[in-house]
Structures are given as C-alpha cells and as structure tokens.
Amino acid sequence: MYRPAPRPIRLTRAVVRALVAIGLGFLGLVALIYFKQHSMIYHPRPYDPSYAQVLPANGEEISYTLPFGKQTAFYIPARDNGRLPARLWIAFCGNGSLALEQLRAIRGSVPFKATPYVIVWNDSS
C-alpha cells in the first residue's frame, strides 16, 4: 500500500531541489563569464579610411612594434611656429576606443595651441 511521504520531508526535498537549481544556475553563469571574459573585456577595432581625415594636416602617424604587438602613435605638434615646447602631453586611449577619438576631448580640455600631443593606440587584434 502506497503512503505519501510526510509533509516535512516533501518540503525539505523541494527546498533542496530549489537550492541545487539555483547553485547550478550560478555555477553556469560563472562558467559562462569565465570562458567568455576575453570577448567581454577587449573589443579591438581597426581604423577605417575615414579616420585619416581626423588627423590634422601637420600630424604624423608613427607605427612601431613591441614584444606584445603593434603600436601606433599620432604626434600632433604645437602651433607655435617650431619653438621647443615646455611640455608634451601623452594620451593613451581606453578599452575599445581609438586614439584619434580622443583628439576632440584633448583639444577641448587643455591648452592645445601651445602644447604638442602624442596619442598612443594598441592596434594588435
């Protein structure tokens, strides 16, 4: 003859199953983040031809190779008729951004006319 399990045992089983399901879901999420972290952290973007118009006419593109990959820097001289500058600003772009995107922000935030700039971009993908 079949007798159902007492109510406290059924409740305990339901709570244990729910906790196991939540734990497995959490572990699945952690595993997904662990295996996909590179694609979620770094988003390399190459320059397209339209970015050549952003670099000022007197700007220079400097490409070089380091042990960890290719680098490109853009040198933008001061507008002070060839005088040696008192300082040189060096800007490194952030994750997923391009160096010449920073040019507009730099021009608006510091004394651009009297200061030359070097903007560095990691172009290894």
Protein backbone atom coordinates (compact mmCIF):
# COMPACT_ATOMS: atom_id res chain seq x y z
CA MET A 1 0.00 0.00 0.00
CA TYR A 2 1.33 3.42 -1.00
CA ARG A 3 1.60 6.10 1.63
CA PRO A 4 2.73 9.62 0.66
CA ALA A 5 5.80 11.00 2.41
CA PRO A 6 5.09 13.18 5.39
CA ARG A 7 4.75 16.89 4.63
CA PRO A 8 8.08 17.99 6.25
CA ILE A 9 10.08 15.55 4.09
CA ARG A 10 8.38 16.79 0.86
CA LEU A 11 9.06 20.40 1.86
CA THR A 12 12.71 19.60 2.59
CA ARG A 13 13.10 17.89 -0.79
CA ALA A 14 11.57 20.88 -2.58
CA VAL A 15 13.90 23.31 -0.78
CA VAL A 16 16.96 21.15 -1.55
CA ARG A 17 15.96 20.90 -5.24
CA ALA A 18 15.47 24.67 -5.43
CA LEU A 19 18.87 25.31 -3.81
CA VAL A 20 20.56 22.84 -6.17
CA ALA A 21 18.90 24.51 -9.18
CA ILE A 22 19.98 27.98 -8.00
CA GLY A 23 23.52 26.73 -7.32
CA LEU A 24 23.81 25.08 -10.74
CA GLY A 25 22.48 28.22 -12.41
CA PHE A 26 25.04 30.33 -10.55
CA LEU A 27 27.87 27.97 -11.49
CA GLY A 28 26.70 28.05 -15.11
CA LEU A 29 26.78 31.85 -15.09
CA VAL A 30 30.27 31.87 -13.55
CA ALA A 31 31.49 29.37 -16.16
CA LEU A 32 29.99 31.45 -18.98
CA ILE A 33 31.68 34.62 -17.73
CA TYR A 34 34.99 32.80 -17.22
CA PHE A 35 35.10 31.34 -20.74
CA LYS A 36 33.79 34.48 -22.48
CA GLN A 37 35.72 37.08 -20.45
CA HIS A 38 38.20 37.95 -23.22
CA SER A 39 35.46 38.85 -25.66
CA MET A 40 33.66 40.87 -22.98
CA ILE A 41 36.71 42.84 -21.86
CA TYR A 42 38.62 43.84 -25.00
CA HIS A 43 36.90 44.93 -28.17
CA PRO A 44 39.57 45.64 -30.81
CA ARG A 45 38.52 47.95 -33.62
CA PRO A 46 40.64 48.77 -36.64
CA TYR A 47 40.79 52.22 -38.17
CA ASP A 48 38.78 52.73 -41.32
CA PRO A 49 39.88 55.16 -44.07
CA SER A 50 37.66 57.99 -42.75
CA TYR A 51 39.92 58.41 -39.70
CA ALA A 52 42.68 59.82 -41.92
CA GLN A 53 40.57 62.99 -42.13
CA VAL A 54 40.55 63.40 -38.33
CA LEU A 55 44.34 63.68 -38.03
CA PRO A 56 45.38 67.32 -38.51
CA ALA A 57 47.43 68.16 -41.60
CA ASN A 58 50.58 68.67 -39.51
CA GLY A 59 50.05 65.42 -37.56
CA GLU A 60 52.26 62.39 -38.05
CA GLU A 61 51.45 58.70 -37.73
CA ILE A 62 54.22 56.71 -36.03
CA SER A 63 53.99 52.90 -36.24
CA TYR A 64 56.29 50.57 -34.34
CA THR A 65 56.36 47.01 -32.99
CA LEU A 66 56.85 45.96 -29.37
CA PRO A 67 57.15 42.41 -27.95
CA PHE A 68 53.37 42.34 -27.26
CA GLY A 69 52.24 43.64 -30.64
CA LYS A 70 52.00 46.56 -33.00
CA GLN A 71 51.54 50.09 -31.68
CA THR A 72 50.61 53.25 -33.49
CA ALA A 73 51.10 56.74 -32.12
CA PHE A 74 49.91 60.00 -33.58
CA TYR A 75 52.10 63.05 -32.99
CA ILE A 76 50.37 66.41 -33.20
CA PRO A 77 52.86 69.28 -32.91
CA ALA A 78 52.10 72.58 -31.19
CA ARG A 79 51.00 75.53 -33.30
CA ASP A 80 53.83 77.75 -32.02
CA ASN A 81 55.94 78.03 -35.19
CA GLY A 82 58.57 75.44 -34.34
CA ARG A 83 59.51 76.56 -30.83
CA LEU A 84 60.53 73.80 -28.44
CA PRO A 85 57.61 73.00 -26.13
CA ALA A 86 57.79 73.24 -22.35
CA ARG A 87 55.81 70.00 -22.02
CA LEU A 88 54.50 67.12 -24.11
CA TRP A 89 51.12 65.51 -23.45
CA ILE A 90 50.86 61.75 -23.98
CA ALA A 91 47.39 60.22 -24.10
CA PHE A 92 46.59 56.50 -24.07
CA CYS A 93 43.18 55.51 -25.35
CA GLY A 94 40.93 53.24 -23.33
CA ASN A 95 39.37 49.88 -23.97
CA GLY A 96 37.58 49.63 -27.27
CA SER A 97 38.38 53.19 -28.31
CA LEU A 98 40.61 54.56 -30.99
CA ALA A 99 43.32 57.10 -30.33
CA LEU A 100 42.04 59.74 -32.73
CA GLU A 101 38.64 59.64 -30.99
CA GLN A 102 40.41 61.23 -28.01
CA LEU A 103 41.60 64.17 -30.10
CA ARG A 104 38.37 66.13 -29.77
CA ALA A 105 38.35 65.74 -25.98
CA ILE A 106 42.01 66.69 -25.71
CA ARG A 107 41.55 69.79 -27.84
CA GLY A 108 38.76 70.99 -25.57
CA SER A 109 40.37 70.29 -22.20
CA VAL A 110 43.96 71.54 -22.27
CA PRO A 111 45.84 74.44 -23.90
CA PHE A 112 46.03 72.83 -27.34
CA LYS A 113 47.72 75.63 -29.28
CA ALA A 114 50.89 75.71 -27.18
CA THR A 115 51.24 72.00 -26.34
CA PRO A 116 52.19 69.09 -28.63
CA TYR A 117 50.50 65.70 -28.16
CA VAL A 118 51.29 62.05 -28.66
CA ILE A 119 48.25 59.77 -28.73
CA VAL A 120 49.09 56.06 -28.44
CA TRP A 121 46.90 53.24 -29.78
CA ASN A 122 47.45 49.48 -29.47
CA ASP A 123 46.49 48.11 -32.87
CA SER A 124 47.16 44.42 -32.24
CA SER A 125 43.99 42.41 -32.56
